[in-house]
Every structure is written in structure tokens, then in C-alpha cells.
Amino acid sequence: NHSSISEFILAGFKSQPGSQLLLSVLFSTMYIVTVVGNVCMILIIRMDSTLHTPMYFFLQNLSTLDICYSSVITPRAALVFLLGRRSISYHGCASQMFFFSLFGTTEAFFLAVMAYDRFTAICNPLLYHVIMSRRLCVLMVMGSYLSGCINCTIQTGFTFSLSFCGHREINHFFCDVAAVIQASCSDTLVNELVMLAVCGSIIVGTALVVFISYGYIIIKIVQMPSAESRHKAFSTCSSHMMTICLFFGTVFFMYAQPGAPSSPNKSNIISIFYTVVIPMLNPFIYTLRNREVKGSLKKQLKR
């Protein structure tokens, strides 16, 4: 019976007891930086009417998403390391998995939408505002969340239909799909195939949109006559590509290939990148290398 246990034990990073306080401080600091950075991003865009464009509409939504995404994982993990209370209730674990899958999937679709937005702006500048209408932007954001809802419902429903037979230990610092599946005493082949098929198609599909869009963008940049324009465009794109490669590289390694990483500690370390580090880096990567945002920030500070 799947409800024969009332709680799980999160055993991630348990083998390094001396580093628990350091991990707690590290996770807490990264969470504070994530929230402050993304809230600042939202406020700057809201307060400056010159930033009320499709690109910044998506960036504002990405910042909101990153706060939610990080909040599902990081504060609880920091408390687990600090207090040593590693138990999480059965329903708490299901809720964490649901919202983690929702926000993680939505993030992948957001990155694809934002790459398409940049492709349209650079490759079709004259038609940009016609193509990227307010209605289309809102539909793209809603579609990203809808895709996230479908995936998290499938993943959480399939995972928590398994039996756990009293085995409570999850080799992770949060209720990740693969780690919870490994804790089950049921035959998990169907679950693993569903995870591979659904997550694999989402990751590969969104990554293809991103890399094809940036492929066309790079070709367009190379053709620019001005060296200054090329340098500015490459500078922006290179920082975007860094966070995109980090996100898709780590999630592909975890979810889109047969067999989870063999070492639990390796899984934990890889997971830190897409659950904690990337939501923290996004506001810096997408804004601090952006002249419009830096100009707006200076204006707001002068006021």
C-alpha cells in the first residue's frame, strides 16, 4: 500500500556531517541572493515604462518563476542541513515534487520562448512588434505554465501510485522524481519509461528551439557590418548561452537519458545547478550585461 508510510527521510549529502552548517549557510545565502536579485529585476521593469516590451515581459515572468522555483527547494534544504531534521511527510514530499516539476518544466519552456523572442527581434526586426503581439506573449506564458501543469501531474501521479513498503530513505536533498522512484519497492520500469519519454521530449524539444534560434541569431550577428554591433550582440548572446547550456546540460543528464546517475552524491551536486544556482544567476546574466536595465537602474537610484 503506497500510504503505508507517513514520511520519508531526505538523505542527500548525509555522508559529510562536518559540512552541514556550511551547506546551510551556502543554500541560505544563494536563496537570499536569488530572491533579492529577481525582486529587483521585477521592480526595475515595472517602474520603467521604456522596459514595457515583449523581452522584458518575459524577463519579468522568468524572475517571478525563479523565485517560486527556488522557494520550493532551497529554504527547506537549508533548514534540513542546519537542524538535521531530515524527515518530510508523505504529502509534503508529493507537494514538493509537484511544484518542483511544475516550475522546472515551465522554466524550460520559458527559455525556449525567450530564445524565439530574441530570434524574432534580431532576424525579423521590422516585423518584431507585429509578430510578438501582447496577446501572443501572454499565450506563450500561459502555454508554458500549462505544459508544466501537464508534466507535473503525470510525474507526481505516476510516482505516488507506487508502493514504498516501509523503505523511507530518499538519496537526495529534496523529493526529486528519480530519487523517490528508486525508494519504491514496486516494479518501476513503467515509471522510468514515462519519465524518460515525457521529460526527454520536453528537454530535447525546448532545447532544439533554443539552439536553432540562437544558431540563426549567430549567423545574423556574423553578417552585421559594424564591429561594435557584432561585439555587443555576441556579448549578450554569450551570457545567455552560458545559462542555457548549464540548465539544459544538467537536466538532460538527470532526466533525458536511460538510467539515473549512479552516484547519489553526483545527482545531488548536479541538481544544485538547476534548482539553486541558475535561478540565482538569471537576473545577473539577463540584466547586468544589459545597457537598458543598467541605465534604468541608475535612473531609479537617482530618484
Foldseek 3Di string as FASTA:
>chain_A
DLPPDFKFFECAPVVCLVCLLVLLVVLVVLLVLLLVLLVVLLVLCVVDPVNPDLLSVLSNVLSVLLNQLLVLARVLLSCCSVVVRGMDTPVNQLVSLLSNLLSLQLNLLSLLVSLVLVLCCLVVVVCSCVVSDPVVSVVSSVVSNVLSNVRSCVLSVLLSVFHQPPQRYFLESGNHSVRSLVNGPDPCPVSLVVQQVSLQCSLVVSVVSNVVSVVSNLVSLVPDPDPVSSVLSCLLVVLSVVLVCLSSVLSCQAGHDPDGPPDSNVNHVSVCRNRRVSSSCSSCSNAVSDPVSVVSVVVVVVD
